[in-house]
Amino acid sequence: MSPHELPKVAQGVSRRRFVRALGTFAGSGLWWASGRPGGVPQPLWGAGRCGAPSPYSEATGEEVAMSRSLDAVETDPAIAGRPLVRYPEKTDLILLTSRPPQLETPKRYFAHAITPNEAFFVRYHILPIPTSVDLATWRLKLGGVVDKPLELSMDDLKTKFEKASVVAVNQCSGNGRSRFAPRVFGGQWGDGAMGNAEWTGARLRDILTAAVPKPDAVEVTFNGLDEPTAPSVPDFVKSLRVAHIVDDPDVLVAYEMNGQALPMLNGFPARLVVPGWYSTYWVKNLSEITVLDHEFDGFWMKTAYRIPDTPCGCVEPGSKPARTVPINRMNVKSVIASPADGTHARVGDVLKIEGVAFDGGYGVTEVFVSSDGGATWQSAELGRDFGRYSFREWSCGLKAQRPGPLRLMVRAVNRVGESQPAEPLWNPAGYLRNVVDHVDIQVM
């Protein structure tokens, strides 16, 4: 068996039952399979490159050097010098932090509409994080101001509720934060804190209906299996309005991702999917749903993940907003996946420029590419439409006309005419970045 393969387990038994962490969090050491034939625990892999020894000391959990860079992005100051790491069920991803895990998708994956599960970014807020779940005992509890509290097994989710699917982008609110100027506090993501997948599960409104909310129900909260060990650290709990859930059939409790069970680091056994909204609402490893008769005022709603209450969600750089609101729907965005920043080309070469574009649910209808600083724009060809919440592939061929530096730019337009700003907008939390993307190449 390759050191980067998960072991095959007995038929009908969740492989997550055989995974546990060495140490107190996922990222502090090796992950192990304890249910292989013979019952002898053996290491699956550490957070290192394929074929390399684990970057952790098995005896102490002490981190040692991890060094492998992305050749194509070394010129990008946002991620240059960051190591690639490999966690369970994941391919090489860019390490932002390990406590808790924050792993970024290399930009080259955004040449295609669907992001592979193994390449999907990872974002946790607190630790320890869950590293194993026994489906025989796991239950999704729904309580609060309802007439019929529920405790649902995975089998209940799959058999008692109609199966539904949606292709939707999951994007961290702070995607691109490392590019803010003035610099802002928070995880310094490049452009890879996003991904697009087909999510399958039960409609949240069907589950809510089965619990029979009382007439005074106004909000619903969601909690996962990641729980803080220190009382001073607020538990990661998010909320949605009841009206949002009832009106939107695409809000799901998902148990599949691209036709497979969710990876542990992306929310196994079930996660909330809120299409069109930033991933702060997409609670992973879901365990509790609570219906409230009042507005939820937890830290991650009342204090964190808030944007200026202005039309652009922005303020003058370095200033503070007079009023804020919770972040919500995503704005229009497009990225160039290829060519990579720093690529060399020759005069006469026809450059294939490609990437993806998306928005918060209206749907992208046009993408334009420029090679002259935005003076003129050429329409790009759009790929298959997987739905209004999905990445939309785009591509364009441009001929390198003369030697020297060449800046390629892209901007998208959605169905209601919204597009991307030519200059970056700013807010103190480093959210909503959707400035026109660009790469700089050299023509020889």
Protein backbone atom coordinates (compact mmCIF):
# COMPACT_ATOMS: atom_id res chain seq x y z
CA MET A 1 0.00 0.00 0.00
CA SER A 2 1.21 3.48 -0.86
CA PRO A 3 1.87 5.65 2.20
CA HIS A 4 -0.69 8.10 0.76
CA GLU A 5 -3.59 5.67 0.47
CA LEU A 6 -6.36 5.17 2.96
CA PRO A 7 -6.72 1.49 3.86
CA LYS A 8 -9.65 -0.49 2.55
CA VAL A 9 -12.03 -1.43 5.35
CA ALA A 10 -14.78 -3.95 5.86
CA GLN A 11 -17.81 -3.61 3.64
CA GLY A 12 -20.61 -1.58 5.18
CA VAL A 13 -18.39 0.03 7.82
CA SER A 14 -17.42 3.69 7.59
CA ARG A 15 -13.70 4.14 7.02
CA ARG A 16 -13.84 7.12 9.41
CA ARG A 17 -14.34 4.62 12.24
CA PHE A 18 -10.78 3.45 11.61
CA VAL A 19 -9.12 6.84 11.69
CA ARG A 20 -7.80 8.50 14.81
CA ALA A 21 -5.19 11.13 15.53
CA LEU A 22 -1.83 10.73 17.18
CA GLY A 23 -1.82 13.76 19.48
CA THR A 24 -4.65 16.08 20.33
CA PHE A 25 -5.40 17.63 16.95
CA ALA A 26 -5.33 16.86 13.25
CA GLY A 27 -2.03 18.27 12.21
CA SER A 28 -0.04 17.49 15.32
CA GLY A 29 1.19 14.20 13.98
CA LEU A 30 0.45 11.08 11.99
CA TRP A 31 -3.03 9.82 11.32
CA TRP A 32 -3.50 6.11 11.80
CA ALA A 33 -5.70 3.28 10.67
CA SER A 34 -6.61 1.07 13.59
CA GLY A 35 -9.06 -1.21 11.80
CA ARG A 36 -6.87 -2.83 9.17
CA PRO A 37 -6.68 -6.64 8.93
CA GLY A 38 -4.95 -7.91 12.02
CA GLY A 39 -5.81 -4.78 13.98
CA VAL A 40 -2.26 -3.48 13.95
CA PRO A 41 -2.14 0.34 13.87
CA GLN A 42 0.00 1.62 11.00
CA PRO A 43 0.69 5.15 9.79
CA LEU A 44 -1.20 6.36 6.76
CA TRP A 45 0.89 9.46 6.08
CA GLY A 46 2.13 12.67 7.57
CA ALA A 47 1.91 16.20 6.32
CA GLY A 48 4.75 15.89 3.81
CA ARG A 49 5.33 15.46 0.12
CA CYS A 50 4.65 12.17 -1.64
CA GLY A 51 7.25 9.59 -0.75
CA ALA A 52 8.92 11.80 1.86
CA PRO A 53 9.29 10.86 5.49
CA SER A 54 6.82 12.39 7.89
CA PRO A 55 7.71 15.93 8.95
CA TYR A 56 6.75 15.04 12.52
CA SER A 57 8.64 13.11 15.15
CA GLU A 58 6.54 10.04 15.95
CA ALA A 59 7.76 9.99 19.52
CA THR A 60 7.15 13.63 20.40
CA GLY A 61 4.86 15.08 17.76
CA GLU A 62 7.48 17.77 17.29
CA GLU A 63 7.34 19.48 13.94
CA VAL A 64 10.44 19.35 11.79
CA ALA A 65 11.24 21.03 8.53
CA MET A 66 8.68 20.87 5.73
CA SER A 67 10.10 22.19 2.53
CA ARG A 68 8.56 21.93 -0.86
CA SER A 69 7.38 24.93 -2.83
CA LEU A 70 5.04 25.35 -5.74
CA ASP A 71 7.33 26.06 -8.69
CA ALA A 72 4.64 27.97 -10.57
CA VAL A 73 3.77 30.33 -7.75
CA GLU A 74 7.13 31.24 -6.26
CA THR A 75 6.76 34.70 -7.79
CA ASP A 76 3.47 35.24 -5.94
CA PRO A 77 4.38 36.96 -2.67
CA ALA A 78 1.14 35.79 -1.07
CA ILE A 79 2.25 32.16 -0.96
CA ALA A 80 5.91 32.09 -1.98
CA GLY A 81 7.93 29.94 0.40
CA ARG A 82 4.94 28.24 2.00
CA PRO A 83 5.29 24.45 2.12
CA LEU A 84 3.07 21.94 0.45
CA VAL A 85 1.65 19.43 2.91
CA ARG A 86 -0.41 16.29 2.57
CA TYR A 87 -3.10 15.47 5.11
CA PRO A 88 -5.38 12.38 5.14
CA GLU A 89 -7.66 12.16 2.11
CA LYS A 90 -5.86 15.19 0.64
CA THR A 91 -3.29 15.81 -2.06
CA ASP A 92 -0.53 18.44 -1.75
CA LEU A 93 -2.08 21.66 -0.43
CA ILE A 94 -0.49 24.95 0.62
CA LEU A 95 -0.05 25.20 4.38
CA LEU A 96 -1.33 28.35 6.05
CA THR A 97 -1.53 27.02 9.64
CA SER A 98 -1.57 23.59 11.24
CA ARG A 99 -3.18 24.51 14.60
CA PRO A 100 -5.97 24.34 13.52
CA PRO A 101 -5.53 23.11 9.93
CA GLN A 102 -5.84 25.78 7.25
CA LEU A 103 -4.89 24.41 3.85
CA GLU A 104 -5.09 26.27 0.55
CA THR A 105 -5.84 24.88 -2.90
CA PRO A 106 -3.14 25.55 -5.54
CA LYS A 107 -4.51 27.92 -8.14
CA ARG A 108 -3.94 25.52 -11.03
CA TYR A 109 -6.99 23.52 -9.91
CA PHE A 110 -9.21 26.44 -10.88
CA ALA A 111 -8.87 25.64 -14.58
CA HIS A 112 -11.81 23.28 -14.08
CA ALA A 113 -15.31 23.83 -12.74
CA ILE A 114 -15.29 20.95 -10.24
CA THR A 115 -12.64 20.92 -7.53
CA PRO A 116 -11.51 17.38 -6.63
CA ASN A 117 -12.27 16.40 -3.04
CA GLU A 118 -8.60 15.74 -2.34
CA ALA A 119 -7.67 19.26 -3.52
CA PHE A 120 -10.46 21.12 -1.70
CA PHE A 121 -9.28 23.75 0.77
CA VAL A 122 -9.57 23.26 4.54
CA ARG A 123 -10.53 25.85 7.15
CA TYR A 124 -11.09 25.33 10.88
CA HIS A 125 -11.42 28.00 13.57
CA ILE A 126 -10.85 26.18 16.86
CA LEU A 127 -9.27 22.99 18.12
CA PRO A 128 -9.27 20.20 18.76
CA ILE A 129 -11.01 19.25 15.54
CA PRO A 130 -12.77 15.92 15.03
CA THR A 131 -10.56 13.23 13.51
CA SER A 132 -12.94 10.27 13.67
CA VAL A 133 -16.69 9.70 13.74
CA ASP A 134 -18.48 6.43 14.45
CA LEU A 135 -21.64 6.41 12.34
CA ALA A 136 -23.15 3.78 14.61
CA THR A 137 -23.40 6.34 17.41
CA TRP A 138 -23.36 9.71 15.58
CA ARG A 139 -26.66 11.57 15.66
CA LEU A 140 -27.71 14.94 14.29
CA LYS A 141 -29.83 16.52 17.01
CA LEU A 142 -32.49 19.12 16.26
CA GLY A 143 -34.16 20.87 19.18
CA GLY A 144 -35.23 24.24 20.53
CA VAL A 145 -38.63 25.77 19.90
CA VAL A 146 -40.06 22.79 18.03
CA ASP A 147 -42.88 20.37 18.73
CA LYS A 148 -40.95 17.26 17.67
CA PRO A 149 -37.25 17.25 18.58
CA LEU A 150 -35.21 14.94 16.33
CA GLU A 151 -32.16 12.74 16.64
CA LEU A 152 -31.23 11.63 13.13
CA SER A 153 -28.78 8.92 12.17
CA MET A 154 -27.04 8.90 8.81
CA ASP A 155 -29.49 6.25 7.70
CA ASP A 156 -32.36 8.56 8.72
CA LEU A 157 -30.94 11.40 6.62
CA LYS A 158 -30.67 9.12 3.61
CA THR A 159 -34.00 7.32 3.88
CA LYS A 160 -36.46 9.69 5.56
CA PHE A 161 -35.77 12.76 3.41
CA GLU A 162 -35.72 13.28 -0.33
CA LYS A 163 -32.20 13.29 -1.76
CA ALA A 164 -31.21 16.62 -3.30
CA SER A 165 -28.07 17.94 -5.00
CA VAL A 166 -26.61 21.32 -5.88
CA VAL A 167 -23.32 22.38 -7.44
CA ALA A 168 -22.05 25.30 -5.40
CA VAL A 169 -18.92 27.27 -4.58
CA ASN A 170 -17.63 27.17 -1.01
CA GLN A 171 -15.39 30.21 -0.46
CA CYS A 172 -13.78 31.50 2.72
CA SER A 173 -14.78 35.08 3.54
CA GLY A 174 -11.09 36.01 3.78
CA ASN A 175 -9.99 34.53 0.47
CA GLY A 176 -7.29 36.87 -0.89
CA ARG A 177 -6.75 38.60 2.47
CA SER A 178 -2.96 38.53 2.08
CA ARG A 179 -3.30 41.06 -0.76
CA PHE A 180 -5.02 43.76 1.32
CA ALA A 181 -3.20 47.06 1.73
CA PRO A 182 -3.04 48.29 4.41
CA ARG A 183 -2.53 44.78 5.76
CA VAL A 184 -5.32 43.40 7.94
CA PHE A 185 -5.43 40.85 10.76
CA GLY A 186 -6.41 37.27 10.04
CA GLY A 187 -5.32 34.24 8.04
CA GLN A 188 -3.23 35.47 5.14
CA TRP A 189 -4.87 33.46 2.38
CA GLY A 190 -3.76 33.69 -1.22
CA ASP A 191 -6.47 32.92 -3.77
CA GLY A 192 -7.04 29.26 -2.99
CA ALA A 193 -9.48 29.36 -0.07
CA MET A 194 -12.32 28.25 -2.30
CA GLY A 195 -13.61 25.28 -4.23
CA ASN A 196 -16.64 24.04 -6.14
CA ALA A 197 -18.37 20.69 -5.73
CA GLU A 198 -21.62 18.86 -6.21
CA TRP A 199 -23.15 18.58 -2.74
CA THR A 200 -25.78 15.94 -2.03
CA GLY A 201 -27.93 15.46 1.04
CA ALA A 202 -31.27 16.33 2.60
CA ARG A 203 -32.94 19.71 2.24
CA LEU A 204 -32.67 21.60 5.50
CA ARG A 205 -36.23 22.87 5.17
CA ASP A 206 -37.51 19.28 4.99
CA ILE A 207 -35.65 18.40 8.18
CA LEU A 208 -36.93 21.56 9.86
CA THR A 209 -40.50 20.82 8.77
CA ALA A 210 -40.27 17.33 10.29
CA ALA A 211 -39.43 18.92 13.66
CA VAL A 212 -42.50 21.22 13.44
CA PRO A 213 -41.12 24.62 14.51
CA LYS A 214 -43.34 26.67 16.79
CA PRO A 215 -44.93 29.84 15.38
CA ASP A 216 -42.46 32.11 17.17
CA ALA A 217 -39.36 30.45 15.62
CA VAL A 218 -37.14 33.08 13.95
CA GLU A 219 -33.58 31.75 13.74
CA VAL A 220 -31.74 28.44 13.63
CA THR A 221 -28.22 27.80 14.95
CA PHE A 222 -25.71 25.19 13.81
CA ASN A 223 -22.91 23.60 15.81
CA GLY A 224 -20.29 21.05 14.84
CA LEU A 225 -18.10 18.50 16.57
CA ASP A 226 -15.15 20.90 16.88
CA GLU A 227 -15.30 22.19 20.44
CA PRO A 228 -12.87 24.53 22.23
CA THR A 229 -11.00 23.20 25.23
CA ALA A 230 -10.66 26.60 26.90
CA PRO A 231 -13.76 28.39 28.26
CA SER A 232 -12.41 31.70 26.98
CA VAL A 233 -12.64 30.46 23.37
CA PRO A 234 -16.15 30.81 21.90
CA ASP A 235 -17.61 27.71 20.29
CA PHE A 236 -18.02 28.02 16.53
CA VAL A 237 -21.80 28.38 16.14
CA LYS A 238 -23.53 30.09 13.20
CA SER A 239 -27.14 30.99 12.49
CA LEU A 240 -29.59 31.47 9.63
CA ARG A 241 -33.03 33.01 9.58
CA VAL A 242 -35.92 30.54 9.45
CA ALA A 243 -37.22 32.40 6.39
CA HIS A 244 -33.96 31.78 4.54
CA ILE A 245 -34.19 28.05 5.18
CA VAL A 246 -37.86 27.78 4.25
CA ASP A 247 -37.51 29.86 1.07
CA ASP A 248 -34.35 28.22 -0.30
CA PRO A 249 -34.61 24.52 -1.27
CA ASP A 250 -30.89 24.43 -2.07
CA VAL A 251 -29.78 24.81 1.57
CA LEU A 252 -28.75 21.26 2.44
CA VAL A 253 -27.47 19.04 5.17
CA ALA A 254 -24.96 17.36 2.84
CA TYR A 255 -23.44 13.93 3.34
CA GLU A 256 -21.86 13.57 -0.11
CA MET A 257 -19.34 15.66 -2.03
CA ASN A 258 -18.79 14.93 -5.72
CA GLY A 259 -20.55 11.61 -5.31
CA GLN A 260 -18.50 10.42 -2.35
CA ALA A 261 -18.77 10.65 1.41
CA LEU A 262 -17.43 13.96 2.68
CA PRO A 263 -13.72 13.96 3.53
CA MET A 264 -13.21 14.28 7.28
CA LEU A 265 -11.50 17.66 6.86
CA ASN A 266 -14.41 18.93 4.77
CA GLY A 267 -17.13 18.04 7.24
CA PHE A 268 -17.76 14.28 7.54
CA PRO A 269 -20.28 12.94 8.29
CA ALA A 270 -22.53 15.88 7.38
CA ARG A 271 -22.18 19.59 6.85
CA LEU A 272 -24.38 22.57 6.15
CA VAL A 273 -24.40 23.83 2.55
CA VAL A 274 -25.61 27.40 2.02
CA PRO A 275 -25.24 28.10 -1.72
CA GLY A 276 -24.26 31.63 -2.66
CA TRP A 277 -23.12 32.52 0.86
CA TYR A 278 -19.59 32.56 2.22
CA SER A 279 -18.33 29.39 3.85
CA THR A 280 -18.49 30.74 7.40
CA TYR A 281 -22.11 29.50 7.34
CA TRP A 282 -21.22 26.06 5.97
CA VAL A 283 -20.77 24.44 9.38
CA LYS A 284 -18.73 21.22 9.18
CA ASN A 285 -19.01 17.96 11.12
CA LEU A 286 -22.55 19.01 11.97
CA SER A 287 -23.94 17.73 15.27
CA GLU A 288 -26.57 20.15 16.62
CA ILE A 289 -29.33 22.28 15.10
CA THR A 290 -31.29 24.52 17.46
CA VAL A 291 -34.38 26.55 16.61
CA LEU A 292 -34.63 29.88 18.47
CA ASP A 293 -37.43 32.35 19.14
CA HIS A 294 -34.96 35.25 19.17
CA GLU A 295 -31.98 36.57 17.23
CA PHE A 296 -28.78 34.65 17.99
CA ASP A 297 -26.02 36.83 19.45
CA GLY A 298 -23.09 34.41 19.61
CA PHE A 299 -19.55 35.65 19.00
CA TRP A 300 -19.26 34.32 15.44
CA MET A 301 -22.37 36.27 14.42
CA LYS A 302 -22.41 39.35 16.64
CA THR A 303 -18.68 40.13 16.68
CA ALA A 304 -16.85 38.12 14.00
CA TYR A 305 -17.54 37.81 10.29
CA ARG A 306 -19.03 41.24 9.89
CA ILE A 307 -18.63 43.74 7.06
CA PRO A 308 -19.25 47.50 6.80
CA ASP A 309 -22.92 48.34 6.30
CA THR A 310 -22.23 50.11 3.01
CA PRO A 311 -23.25 49.21 -0.56
CA CYS A 312 -19.76 47.88 -1.34
CA GLY A 313 -19.05 46.38 2.09
CA CYS A 314 -16.01 48.62 2.16
CA VAL A 315 -14.60 51.77 3.80
CA GLU A 316 -11.62 54.01 3.18
CA PRO A 317 -8.40 52.02 3.72
CA GLY A 318 -7.33 52.17 7.35
CA SER A 319 -10.65 53.50 8.65
CA LYS A 320 -13.36 51.90 10.80
CA PRO A 321 -16.96 51.43 9.67
CA ALA A 322 -19.71 53.27 11.53
CA ARG A 323 -21.94 50.19 11.41
CA THR A 324 -21.49 46.55 10.44
CA VAL A 325 -23.69 43.64 9.38
CA PRO A 326 -22.99 39.89 9.17
CA ILE A 327 -21.27 38.85 5.97
CA ASN A 328 -23.63 37.00 3.67
CA ARG A 329 -23.86 36.59 -0.11
CA MET A 330 -20.72 36.31 -2.25
CA ASN A 331 -19.89 38.94 -4.85
CA VAL A 332 -18.76 38.45 -8.47
CA LYS A 333 -15.28 37.00 -8.88
CA SER A 334 -13.04 35.49 -11.53
CA VAL A 335 -9.53 34.05 -11.35
CA ILE A 336 -6.81 33.13 -13.84
CA ALA A 337 -5.63 29.56 -13.27
CA SER A 338 -3.30 29.42 -16.27
CA PRO A 339 -0.82 30.70 -17.27
CA ALA A 340 0.75 31.01 -13.86
CA ASP A 341 2.25 34.26 -12.69
CA GLY A 342 5.87 34.47 -13.87
CA THR A 343 5.39 32.22 -16.92
CA HIS A 344 7.78 32.74 -19.86
CA ALA A 345 6.44 32.73 -23.43
CA ARG A 346 7.85 33.49 -26.88
CA VAL A 347 6.73 36.02 -29.47
CA GLY A 348 4.13 34.37 -31.68
CA ASP A 349 2.96 31.93 -29.02
CA VAL A 350 -0.81 31.68 -28.65
CA LEU A 351 -1.43 31.77 -24.92
CA LYS A 352 -4.34 29.74 -23.62
CA ILE A 353 -5.73 31.75 -20.73
CA GLU A 354 -8.22 29.89 -18.56
CA GLY A 355 -9.87 29.95 -15.18
CA VAL A 356 -13.23 30.10 -13.44
CA ALA A 357 -15.78 32.76 -12.55
CA PHE A 358 -18.71 32.77 -10.11
CA ASP A 359 -20.98 34.92 -7.97
CA GLY A 360 -23.55 34.59 -5.18
CA GLY A 361 -26.30 32.97 -7.19
CA TYR A 362 -27.38 35.14 -10.10
CA GLY A 363 -25.00 33.27 -12.39
CA VAL A 364 -22.06 34.47 -14.50
CA THR A 365 -23.01 35.34 -18.08
CA GLU A 366 -19.87 36.99 -19.48
CA VAL A 367 -16.12 36.91 -18.91
CA PHE A 368 -13.64 39.31 -20.50
CA VAL A 369 -9.85 39.19 -20.84
CA SER A 370 -7.44 42.09 -21.38
CA SER A 371 -3.76 42.17 -22.34
CA ASP A 372 -3.32 45.96 -22.51
CA GLY A 373 -3.93 47.09 -18.94
CA GLY A 374 -7.70 47.10 -19.27
CA ALA A 375 -7.88 49.51 -22.23
CA THR A 376 -9.64 46.88 -24.34
CA TRP A 377 -11.35 43.60 -23.43
CA GLN A 378 -11.93 40.42 -25.40
CA SER A 379 -14.81 38.05 -24.71
CA ALA A 380 -13.80 34.66 -23.33
CA GLU A 381 -15.50 31.41 -24.22
CA LEU A 382 -17.62 30.02 -21.40
CA GLY A 383 -17.69 26.35 -20.44
CA ARG A 384 -20.56 24.19 -19.29
CA ASP A 385 -23.12 25.77 -16.97
CA PHE A 386 -23.45 23.60 -13.85
CA GLY A 387 -25.96 25.98 -12.25
CA ARG A 388 -26.15 29.47 -10.87
CA TYR A 389 -24.06 28.73 -7.76
CA SER A 390 -21.23 26.97 -9.56
CA PHE A 391 -17.84 27.89 -10.94
CA ARG A 392 -18.13 28.65 -14.67
CA GLU A 393 -15.08 27.69 -16.69
CA TRP A 394 -13.82 30.24 -19.18
CA SER A 395 -10.96 30.28 -21.70
CA CYS A 396 -9.42 32.64 -24.23
CA GLY A 397 -6.55 32.49 -26.71
CA LEU A 398 -4.25 35.53 -27.08
CA LYS A 399 -1.17 35.78 -29.29
CA ALA A 400 2.05 37.17 -27.77
CA GLN A 401 2.80 40.06 -30.11
CA ARG A 402 6.05 41.57 -28.83
CA PRO A 403 8.81 40.87 -26.30
CA GLY A 404 8.65 42.26 -22.80
CA PRO A 405 6.41 42.07 -19.74
CA LEU A 406 2.75 41.25 -20.35
CA ARG A 407 -0.07 41.61 -17.85
CA LEU A 408 -3.18 39.48 -18.41
CA MET A 409 -6.42 40.53 -16.70
CA VAL A 410 -9.86 39.01 -16.29
CA ARG A 411 -13.25 40.25 -15.14
CA ALA A 412 -16.67 38.61 -14.98
CA VAL A 413 -20.21 39.94 -15.26
CA ASN A 414 -23.28 38.25 -13.77
CA ARG A 415 -26.89 38.06 -14.89
CA VAL A 416 -27.87 41.34 -13.19
CA GLY A 417 -24.90 43.31 -14.54
CA GLU A 418 -22.67 43.18 -11.46
CA SER A 419 -18.94 42.97 -12.15
CA GLN A 420 -15.56 43.40 -10.45
CA PRO A 421 -13.81 46.60 -9.40
CA ALA A 422 -10.65 47.69 -11.23
CA GLU A 423 -9.11 48.77 -7.92
CA PRO A 424 -9.25 46.72 -4.72
CA LEU A 425 -11.86 47.65 -2.12
CA TRP A 426 -10.91 47.57 1.56
CA ASN A 427 -12.50 46.63 4.87
CA PRO A 428 -10.83 46.00 8.24
CA ALA A 429 -11.59 42.25 8.30
CA GLY A 430 -10.13 41.49 4.87
CA TYR A 431 -13.34 40.11 3.38
CA LEU A 432 -15.10 40.28 -0.01
CA ARG A 433 -11.97 40.70 -2.16
CA ASN A 434 -13.02 40.51 -5.80
CA VAL A 435 -10.76 42.97 -7.64
CA VAL A 436 -9.99 42.19 -11.29
CA ASP A 437 -7.49 39.31 -11.24
CA HIS A 438 -4.22 39.47 -13.14
CA VAL A 439 -1.02 37.57 -13.84
CA ASP A 440 2.27 38.95 -15.14
CA ILE A 441 4.21 36.93 -17.70
CA GLN A 442 7.38 37.57 -19.68
CA VAL A 443 7.47 37.35 -23.49
CA MET A 444 10.89 36.54 -24.92
